C-alpha atoms as a PDB file:
ATOM      1  CA  MET A   1       0.000   0.000   0.000  1.00  0.00           C
ATOM      2  CA  LYS A   2       1.303   3.429  -0.908  1.00  0.00           C
ATOM      3  CA  THR A   3       1.032   6.401   1.449  1.00  0.00           C
ATOM      4  CA  THR A   4       2.466   9.935   1.455  1.00  0.00           C
ATOM      5  CA  CYS A   5       3.487  12.249   4.282  1.00  0.00           C
ATOM      6  CA  ASP A   6       1.061  15.178   4.216  1.00  0.00           C
ATOM      7  CA  PHE A   7       3.774  17.589   5.404  1.00  0.00           C
ATOM      8  CA  CYS A   8       6.886  16.873   3.310  1.00  0.00           C
ATOM      9  CA  LYS A   9       5.272  14.660   0.575  1.00  0.00           C
ATOM     10  CA  THR A  10       7.713  11.776   1.115  1.00  0.00           C
ATOM     11  CA  GLU A  11       6.229   8.558  -0.278  1.00  0.00           C
ATOM     12  CA  TYR A  12       6.247   5.229   1.529  1.00  0.00           C
ATOM     13  CA  ASN A  13       5.353   1.667   0.529  1.00  0.00           C
ATOM     14  CA  LEU A  14       3.765   0.017   3.547  1.00  0.00           C
ATOM     15  CA  ASP A  15       2.449  -3.471   4.144  1.00  0.00           C
ATOM     16  CA  ALA A  16      -1.283  -3.635   3.324  1.00  0.00           C
ATOM     17  CA  SER A  17      -2.050  -4.712   6.895  1.00  0.00           C
ATOM     18  CA  THR A  18      -0.467  -1.567   8.432  1.00  0.00           C
ATOM     19  CA  ARG A  19      -2.962   0.352  10.588  1.00  0.00           C
ATOM     20  CA  GLY A  20      -2.744   3.097  13.182  1.00  0.00           C
ATOM     21  CA  ARG A  21      -0.249   5.918  13.795  1.00  0.00           C
ATOM     22  CA  VAL A  22       2.840   6.256  11.551  1.00  0.00           C
ATOM     23  CA  GLN A  23       5.686   8.791  11.621  1.00  0.00           C
ATOM     24  CA  CYS A  24       7.620  10.248   8.691  1.00  0.00           C
ATOM     25  CA  ALA A  25      11.317   9.327   8.886  1.00  0.00           C
ATOM     26  CA  VAL A  26      12.317  12.598   7.144  1.00  0.00           C
ATOM     27  CA  CYS A  27      10.353  15.330   8.951  1.00  0.00           C
ATOM     28  CA  GLY A  28       8.818  13.522  11.936  1.00  0.00           C
ATOM     29  CA  TYR A  29       5.212  14.341  10.981  1.00  0.00           C
ATOM     30  CA  GLU A  30       2.696  11.789  12.283  1.00  0.00           C
ATOM     31  CA  TRP A  31      -0.548  10.659  10.685  1.00  0.00           C
ATOM     32  CA  ILE A  32      -3.024   7.807  11.030  1.00  0.00           C
ATOM     33  CA  ILE A  33      -3.443   4.955   8.526  1.00  0.00           C
ATOM     34  CA  SER A  34      -7.036   3.729   8.710  1.00  0.00           C
ATOM     35  CA  PRO A  35      -8.517   0.547   7.227  1.00  0.00           C
ATOM     36  CA  ALA A  36      -9.385   0.810   3.543  1.00  0.00           C
ATOM     37  CA  SER A  37     -12.961   1.837   2.955  1.00  0.00           C
ATOM     38  CA  ARG A  38     -15.253  -0.738   1.369  1.00  0.00           C
ATOM     39  CA  ARG A  39     -17.301   2.138  -0.042  1.00  0.00           C
ATOM     40  CA  GLY A  40     -15.110   2.352  -3.149  1.00  0.00           C
ATOM     41  CA  ALA A  41     -15.538  -1.350  -3.832  1.00  0.00           C
ATOM     42  CA  TRP A  42     -19.302  -1.077  -3.361  1.00  0.00           C
ATOM     43  CA  LEU A  43     -19.544   1.893  -5.748  1.00  0.00           C
ATOM     44  CA  THR A  44     -17.413   0.034  -8.300  1.00  0.00           C
ATOM     45  CA  PHE A  45     -19.773  -2.934  -8.055  1.00  0.00           C
ATOM     46  CA  ILE A  46     -22.844  -0.710  -8.545  1.00  0.00           C
ATOM     47  CA  ALA A  47     -21.213   1.028 -11.520  1.00  0.00           C
ATOM     48  CA  ALA A  48     -20.310  -2.320 -13.101  1.00  0.00           C
ATOM     49  CA  ALA A  49     -23.823  -3.690 -12.531  1.00  0.00           C
ATOM     50  CA  THR A  50     -25.357  -0.543 -14.039  1.00  0.00           C
ATOM     51  CA  ALA A  51     -23.056  -0.771 -17.069  1.00  0.00           C
ATOM     52  CA  ALA A  52     -23.978  -4.447 -17.543  1.00  0.00           C
ATOM     53  CA  LEU A  53     -27.690  -3.619 -17.323  1.00  0.00           C
ATOM     54  CA  ALA A  54     -27.285  -0.787 -19.845  1.00  0.00           C
ATOM     55  CA  ALA A  55     -25.452  -3.177 -22.196  1.00  0.00           C
ATOM     56  CA  ILE A  56     -28.270  -5.716 -21.891  1.00  0.00           C
ATOM     57  CA  VAL A  57     -30.966  -3.099 -22.566  1.00  0.00           C
ATOM     58  CA  PHE A  58     -29.001  -1.791 -25.563  1.00  0.00           C
ATOM     59  CA  SER A  59     -28.534  -5.333 -26.918  1.00  0.00           C
ATOM     60  CA  VAL A  60     -32.247  -6.103 -26.573  1.00  0.00           C
ATOM     61  CA  ALA A  61     -33.129  -2.842 -28.352  1.00  0.00           C
ATOM     62  CA  VAL A  62     -30.718  -3.592 -31.208  1.00  0.00           C
ATOM     63  CA  ILE A  63     -31.943  -7.191 -31.542  1.00  0.00           C
ATOM     64  CA  THR A  64     -35.603  -6.106 -31.479  1.00  0.00           C
ATOM     65  CA  ARG A  65     -34.967  -3.449 -34.116  1.00  0.00           C
ATOM     66  CA  HIS A  66     -33.045  -5.953 -36.234  1.00  0.00           C
ATOM     67  CA  GLN A  67     -35.868  -8.498 -35.969  1.00  0.00           C
ATOM     68  CA  ALA A  68     -38.429  -5.840 -36.946  1.00  0.00           C
ATOM     69  CA  ARG A  69     -36.250  -4.905 -39.925  1.00  0.00           C
ATOM     70  CA  ALA A  70     -35.876  -8.590 -40.873  1.00  0.00           C
ATOM     71  CA  ALA A  71     -39.658  -9.048 -40.632  1.00  0.00           C
ATOM     72  CA  ALA A  72     -40.169  -5.994 -42.853  1.00  0.00           C
ATOM     73  CA  ASP A  73     -37.663  -7.393 -45.344  1.00  0.00           C
ATOM     74  CA  ALA A  74     -39.334 -10.834 -45.262  1.00  0.00           C
ATOM     75  CA  ARG A  75     -42.812  -9.315 -45.671  1.00  0.00           C
ATOM     76  CA  PRO A  76     -42.249  -5.922 -47.273  1.00  0.00           C
ATOM     77  CA  LEU A  77     -45.882  -5.619 -48.369  1.00  0.00           C
ATOM     78  CA  VAL A  78     -48.785  -6.360 -46.045  1.00  0.00           C
ATOM     79  CA  ALA A  79     -52.441  -6.494 -47.074  1.00  0.00           C
ATOM     80  CA  THR A  80     -55.119  -5.964 -44.434  1.00  0.00           C
ATOM     81  CA  ILE A  81     -58.897  -5.809 -44.576  1.00  0.00           C
ATOM     82  CA  THR A  82     -60.403  -2.727 -42.948  1.00  0.00           C
ATOM     83  CA  ASP A  83     -64.087  -3.170 -43.814  1.00  0.00           C
ATOM     84  CA  ILE A  84     -66.560  -5.712 -45.220  1.00  0.00           C
ATOM     85  CA  ARG A  85     -70.070  -4.640 -46.122  1.00  0.00           C
ATOM     86  CA  SER A  86     -72.945  -6.338 -47.854  1.00  0.00           C
ATOM     87  CA  VAL A  87     -74.606  -4.958 -51.002  1.00  0.00           C
ATOM     88  CA  ILE A  88     -77.510  -6.269 -53.067  1.00  0.00           C
ATOM     89  CA  ASP A  89     -77.223  -6.246 -56.860  1.00  0.00           C
ATOM     90  CA  ALA A  90     -79.990  -5.498 -59.401  1.00  0.00           C
ATOM     91  CA  ALA A  91     -81.036  -9.177 -59.399  1.00  0.00           C
ATOM     92  CA  GLY A  92     -81.526  -9.109 -55.607  1.00  0.00           C
ATOM     93  CA  VAL A  93     -78.404 -11.223 -54.864  1.00  0.00           C
ATOM     94  CA  SER A  94     -76.280 -10.238 -51.842  1.00  0.00           C
ATOM     95  CA  HIS A  95     -72.535  -9.682 -52.376  1.00  0.00           C
ATOM     96  CA  PHE A  96     -69.686  -8.513 -50.146  1.00  0.00           C
ATOM     97  CA  VAL A  97     -67.628  -5.382 -50.736  1.00  0.00           C
ATOM     98  CA  VAL A  98     -64.194  -5.877 -49.209  1.00  0.00           C
ATOM     99  CA  SER A  99     -62.079  -2.795 -48.440  1.00  0.00           C
ATOM    100  CA  GLY A 100     -58.583  -2.567 -47.041  1.00  0.00           C
ATOM    101  CA  ARG A 101     -55.078  -1.385 -47.630  1.00  0.00           C
ATOM    102  CA  VAL A 102     -51.717  -2.622 -48.852  1.00  0.00           C
ATOM    103  CA  THR A 103     -48.801  -1.185 -46.847  1.00  0.00           C
ATOM    104  CA  ASN A 104     -45.111  -1.128 -47.759  1.00  0.00           C
ATOM    105  CA  GLN A 105     -43.313  -1.573 -44.438  1.00  0.00           C
ATOM    106  CA  SER A 106     -39.825  -1.772 -45.962  1.00  0.00           C
ATOM    107  CA  ALA A 107     -37.250   0.903 -46.754  1.00  0.00           C
ATOM    108  CA  GLU A 108     -37.504   0.314 -50.525  1.00  0.00           C
ATOM    109  CA  ILE A 109     -40.025   0.835 -53.323  1.00  0.00           C
ATOM    110  CA  TYR A 110     -42.040  -2.298 -54.118  1.00  0.00           C
ATOM    111  CA  GLY A 111     -44.376  -3.270 -56.930  1.00  0.00           C
ATOM    112  CA  VAL A 112     -47.843  -4.297 -55.763  1.00  0.00           C
ATOM    113  CA  PRO A 113     -48.957  -7.714 -57.059  1.00  0.00           C
ATOM    114  CA  ASP A 114     -52.537  -8.848 -57.586  1.00  0.00           C
ATOM    115  CA  LEU A 115     -54.668  -9.366 -54.484  1.00  0.00           C
ATOM    116  CA  ILE A 116     -56.752 -12.465 -53.848  1.00  0.00           C
ATOM    117  CA  ILE A 117     -59.926 -12.369 -51.744  1.00  0.00           C
ATOM    118  CA  VAL A 118     -60.738 -15.775 -50.243  1.00  0.00           C
ATOM    119  CA  SER A 119     -64.225 -16.570 -48.943  1.00  0.00           C
ATOM    120  CA  ARG A 120     -64.463 -19.311 -46.314  1.00  0.00           C
ATOM    121  CA  ASP A 121     -67.305 -21.207 -44.677  1.00  0.00           C
ATOM    122  CA  GLU A 122     -67.909 -21.838 -40.962  1.00  0.00           C
ATOM    123  CA  SER A 123     -65.291 -24.619 -40.794  1.00  0.00           C
ATOM    124  CA  GLY A 124     -62.677 -22.493 -42.600  1.00  0.00           C
ATOM    125  CA  ALA A 125     -62.978 -24.371 -45.888  1.00  0.00           C
ATOM    126  CA  GLU A 126     -62.510 -22.266 -49.001  1.00  0.00           C
ATOM    127  CA  ILE A 127     -65.734 -21.388 -50.853  1.00  0.00           C
ATOM    128  CA  ALA A 128     -64.328 -19.035 -53.523  1.00  0.00           C
ATOM    129  CA  ARG A 129     -61.160 -17.178 -54.548  1.00  0.00           C
ATOM    130  CA  GLN A 130     -61.258 -13.989 -56.526  1.00  0.00           C
ATOM    131  CA  LYS A 131     -58.172 -12.211 -57.888  1.00  0.00           C
ATOM    132  CA  PHE A 132     -58.117  -8.501 -58.705  1.00  0.00           C
ATOM    133  CA  MET A 133     -55.599  -5.774 -59.456  1.00  0.00           C
ATOM    134  CA  PRO A 134     -54.989  -3.142 -56.758  1.00  0.00           C
ATOM    135  CA  SER A 135     -55.228   0.553 -57.625  1.00  0.00           C
ATOM    136  CA  ALA A 136     -51.504   1.198 -57.031  1.00  0.00           C
ATOM    137  CA  THR A 137     -48.713  -0.481 -58.971  1.00  0.00           C
ATOM    138  CA  LEU A 138     -45.768   0.825 -56.906  1.00  0.00           C
ATOM    139  CA  LEU A 139     -45.511   1.775 -53.241  1.00  0.00           C
ATOM    140  CA  ASP A 140     -42.796   3.981 -51.775  1.00  0.00           C
ATOM    141  CA  SER A 141     -41.211   3.098 -48.445  1.00  0.00           C
ATOM    142  CA  GLY A 142     -43.839   3.403 -45.696  1.00  0.00           C
ATOM    143  CA  ALA A 143     -46.611   4.224 -48.196  1.00  0.00           C
ATOM    144  CA  TRP A 144     -49.986   2.508 -48.433  1.00  0.00           C
ATOM    145  CA  ALA A 145     -52.745   2.169 -50.990  1.00  0.00           C
ATOM    146  CA  GLU A 146     -56.389   1.458 -50.303  1.00  0.00           C
ATOM    147  CA  PHE A 147     -58.437  -1.097 -52.191  1.00  0.00           C
ATOM    148  CA  SER A 148     -62.123  -1.924 -52.501  1.00  0.00           C
ATOM    149  CA  HIS A 149     -63.522  -4.899 -54.398  1.00  0.00           C
ATOM    150  CA  THR A 150     -67.002  -6.322 -54.799  1.00  0.00           C
ATOM    151  CA  LEU A 151     -67.005 -10.112 -54.800  1.00  0.00           C
ATOM    152  CA  SER A 152     -68.832 -11.653 -57.741  1.00  0.00           C
ATOM    153  CA  ALA A 153     -69.786 -14.789 -55.771  1.00  0.00           C
ATOM    154  CA  PRO A 154     -72.920 -14.554 -53.611  1.00  0.00           C
ATOM    155  CA  SER A 155     -72.404 -14.107 -49.872  1.00  0.00           C
ATOM    156  CA  ASP A 156     -74.431 -17.201 -48.895  1.00  0.00           C
ATOM    157  CA  GLY A 157     -72.531 -19.411 -46.439  1.00  0.00           C
ATOM    158  CA  VAL A 158     -69.530 -17.062 -46.144  1.00  0.00           C
ATOM    159  CA  LYS A 159     -68.391 -16.711 -42.531  1.00  0.00           C
ATOM    160  CA  LYS A 160     -64.813 -15.497 -42.977  1.00  0.00           C
ATOM    161  CA  ILE A 161     -62.999 -13.456 -45.634  1.00  0.00           C
ATOM    162  CA  THR A 162     -59.225 -13.139 -46.011  1.00  0.00           C
ATOM    163  CA  VAL A 163     -56.969 -11.243 -48.390  1.00  0.00           C
ATOM    164  CA  GLU A 164     -53.753 -12.716 -49.764  1.00  0.00           C
ATOM    165  CA  LEU A 165     -50.772 -10.949 -51.239  1.00  0.00           C
ATOM    166  CA  LYS A 166     -47.774 -12.881 -52.538  1.00  0.00           C
ATOM    167  CA  ASP A 167     -48.768 -15.991 -50.569  1.00  0.00           C
ATOM    168  CA  GLN A 168     -49.293 -13.964 -47.386  1.00  0.00           C
ATOM    169  CA  ALA A 169     -52.670 -13.846 -45.668  1.00  0.00           C
ATOM    170  CA  GLY A 170     -54.329 -11.045 -43.713  1.00  0.00           C
ATOM    171  CA  GLU A 171     -57.688 -11.495 -42.025  1.00  0.00           C
ATOM    172  CA  ILE A 172     -60.564  -9.605 -40.519  1.00  0.00           C
END
């Protein structure tokens, strides 16, 4: 352990177990060597634990952001249904009008493929599929385009309607 005379600044190397009153051999000044405080060790531990926690939080944030980016890259375009309403044609047959939006959740421009509306019965079995072209052909990063399509098949027995885009399904 290193200590210094407060009066003449002479430095000494003492045994770590030295405690109590010591006297400078050069000037005769006396001072007291007290046991090392554990406070410094405790503060070092708290600082290290805080740094480790901050590193963990940062890592989780980076991983979460990376996973969100990977999901956006895997599914850059997402089609969702926002509304389904029933209309009756001139012959008195009920049809569904399906409305929704296609969203580009990536950082690039993407071409919008055809959309497919799938009608399903109570057990989830497919009744009809109907393909149509969306109103937008390209979507900028973060942009969206709305769609609305009247199904040509009657609405009898339809309990669930989904929209598909590039083999991806969105439901309402």
